[in-house]
């Protein structure tokens, strides 16, 4: 009995160590992106009062891990400012979409395990100040 317990412990020890060392930023991957697709929140118009989606950049991010994470995303607009999104919880396999109405194609994200109080995600103001001059 003790021998079986020891063998099982040795076999499963690497899995518990890996789970503790998991970098939750690795859980989030870009699953899709697009330019020019319609976006209800973007209100850029042409001269004839028709909505113009040519500058819209959208990115879809997916949680590939087996546990829930919290995500903060910022998308860069062509004027250099960052469009920020509220912190969103994503369960295993779930996706979220973020957009920039006149995007550059650049985006930033921060990830932490759900309800992890040791990792602080940046506020909108921190993102706007810290990244304002980065193009």
Protein backbone atom coordinates (compact mmCIF):
# COMPACT_ATOMS: atom_id res chain seq x y z
CA UNK A 1 0.00 0.00 0.00
CA UNK A 2 2.72 2.48 0.94
CA UNK A 3 4.74 1.60 -2.14
CA UNK A 4 1.74 2.31 -4.42
CA UNK A 5 1.14 5.64 -2.69
CA UNK A 6 4.78 6.64 -3.14
CA UNK A 7 4.77 5.65 -6.82
CA UNK A 8 1.56 7.59 -7.49
CA UNK A 9 2.93 10.62 -5.63
CA UNK A 10 6.10 10.59 -7.71
CA UNK A 11 4.09 10.26 -10.94
CA UNK A 12 1.73 13.16 -10.18
CA UNK A 13 4.27 15.50 -8.55
CA UNK A 14 5.36 17.09 -11.87
CA UNK A 15 1.74 17.99 -12.68
CA UNK A 16 1.22 19.81 -9.39
CA UNK A 17 4.49 21.69 -9.80
CA UNK A 18 3.54 22.72 -13.34
CA UNK A 19 0.14 23.95 -12.19
CA UNK A 20 1.79 26.22 -9.62
CA UNK A 21 4.27 27.59 -12.15
CA UNK A 22 1.62 28.36 -14.77
CA UNK A 23 1.98 31.83 -16.27
CA UNK A 24 -1.62 32.81 -16.88
CA UNK A 25 -0.62 35.19 -19.67
CA UNK A 26 0.19 32.04 -21.67
CA UNK A 27 -3.49 31.05 -21.37
CA UNK A 28 -4.60 33.86 -23.67
CA UNK A 29 -4.01 33.49 -27.41
CA UNK A 30 -5.19 35.45 -30.42
CA UNK A 31 -7.70 33.19 -32.14
CA UNK A 32 -8.71 35.64 -34.89
CA UNK A 33 -8.27 39.20 -36.07
CA UNK A 34 -9.79 41.29 -38.84
CA UNK A 35 -9.75 44.68 -40.53
CA UNK A 36 -12.81 46.46 -41.86
CA UNK A 37 -15.58 44.35 -40.36
CA UNK A 38 -18.68 46.19 -39.11
CA UNK A 39 -18.57 47.25 -35.48
CA UNK A 40 -21.67 48.72 -33.83
CA UNK A 41 -19.59 50.88 -31.47
CA UNK A 42 -17.58 52.58 -34.24
CA UNK A 43 -19.21 55.68 -35.66
CA UNK A 44 -16.95 56.94 -38.42
CA UNK A 45 -18.82 58.25 -41.46
CA UNK A 46 -17.94 59.03 -45.08
CA UNK A 47 -18.91 62.29 -46.79
CA UNK A 48 -22.29 60.82 -47.80
CA UNK A 49 -23.19 59.91 -44.21
CA UNK A 50 -22.49 56.22 -44.60
CA UNK A 51 -20.68 54.33 -41.84
CA UNK A 52 -17.05 53.66 -42.68
CA UNK A 53 -15.48 50.54 -41.16
CA UNK A 54 -12.22 50.57 -43.14
CA UNK A 55 -10.13 51.45 -40.08
CA UNK A 56 -11.80 49.02 -37.68
CA UNK A 57 -9.40 46.46 -36.25
CA UNK A 58 -10.85 43.64 -34.17
CA UNK A 59 -9.04 40.91 -32.28
CA UNK A 60 -10.52 37.80 -30.71
CA UNK A 61 -8.68 36.42 -27.68
CA UNK A 62 -9.24 32.90 -26.32
CA UNK A 63 -8.55 31.35 -22.93
CA UNK A 64 -6.82 28.06 -23.75
CA UNK A 65 -6.32 26.97 -20.12
CA UNK A 66 -8.57 24.77 -18.04
CA UNK A 67 -9.22 27.43 -15.42
CA UNK A 68 -10.87 30.84 -15.52
CA UNK A 69 -8.80 33.98 -15.95
CA UNK A 70 -9.40 37.72 -15.79
CA UNK A 71 -8.27 39.80 -18.75
CA UNK A 72 -7.63 43.52 -19.29
CA UNK A 73 -7.24 44.62 -22.94
CA UNK A 74 -6.20 47.86 -24.63
CA UNK A 75 -6.33 48.54 -28.39
CA UNK A 76 -4.35 51.34 -30.03
CA UNK A 77 -6.16 53.90 -32.19
CA UNK A 78 -4.42 55.64 -35.09
CA UNK A 79 -4.07 58.86 -33.03
CA UNK A 80 -1.84 56.95 -30.56
CA UNK A 81 -4.43 56.75 -27.78
CA UNK A 82 -5.47 53.44 -26.26
CA UNK A 83 -9.06 52.20 -26.17
CA UNK A 84 -9.36 50.25 -22.93
CA UNK A 85 -11.88 47.59 -22.00
CA UNK A 86 -13.19 46.60 -18.56
CA UNK A 87 -11.68 43.56 -16.88
CA UNK A 88 -13.43 40.48 -18.23
CA UNK A 89 -13.56 36.98 -16.78
CA UNK A 90 -13.06 34.21 -19.32
CA UNK A 91 -13.79 30.59 -18.49
CA UNK A 92 -11.90 27.71 -20.04
CA UNK A 93 -12.25 27.88 -23.83
CA UNK A 94 -14.16 31.19 -23.82
CA UNK A 95 -13.32 34.10 -26.12
CA UNK A 96 -13.64 37.87 -26.06
CA UNK A 97 -13.45 40.46 -28.82
CA UNK A 98 -11.82 43.87 -28.54
CA UNK A 99 -11.75 46.59 -31.20
CA UNK A 100 -10.27 49.90 -32.29
CA UNK A 101 -12.36 52.07 -34.60
CA UNK A 102 -9.32 53.52 -36.37
CA UNK A 103 -6.80 50.94 -35.30
CA UNK A 104 -3.08 50.50 -35.76
CA UNK A 105 -3.22 46.73 -35.29
CA UNK A 106 -1.48 46.99 -31.92
CA UNK A 107 -3.02 45.69 -28.73
CA UNK A 108 -1.95 44.95 -25.17
CA UNK A 109 -3.38 42.56 -22.61
CA UNK A 110 -2.86 41.57 -19.02
CA UNK A 111 -4.02 38.28 -17.52
CA UNK A 112 -4.38 36.84 -14.03
CA UNK A 113 -6.08 33.82 -12.52
CA UNK A 114 -9.68 34.53 -11.55
CA UNK A 115 -9.89 36.43 -8.23
CA UNK A 116 -6.09 36.49 -7.78
CA UNK A 117 -5.64 39.42 -5.40
CA UNK A 118 -1.82 39.30 -5.57
CA UNK A 119 -1.65 40.37 -9.22
CA UNK A 120 -2.98 43.84 -9.94
CA UNK A 121 -4.26 44.58 -13.41
CA UNK A 122 -3.62 48.16 -14.57
CA UNK A 123 -6.36 50.76 -14.45
CA UNK A 124 -7.47 52.60 -17.58
CA UNK A 125 -5.63 55.71 -16.37
CA UNK A 126 -2.39 53.77 -15.80
CA UNK A 127 -2.56 52.36 -19.32
CA UNK A 128 -3.28 55.76 -20.89
CA UNK A 129 -0.37 57.40 -19.05
CA UNK A 130 2.19 54.58 -19.32
CA UNK A 131 1.65 53.82 -23.01
CA UNK A 132 0.64 57.23 -24.40
CA UNK A 133 3.85 57.86 -26.36
CA UNK A 134 4.31 54.34 -27.73
CA UNK A 135 3.55 53.90 -31.40
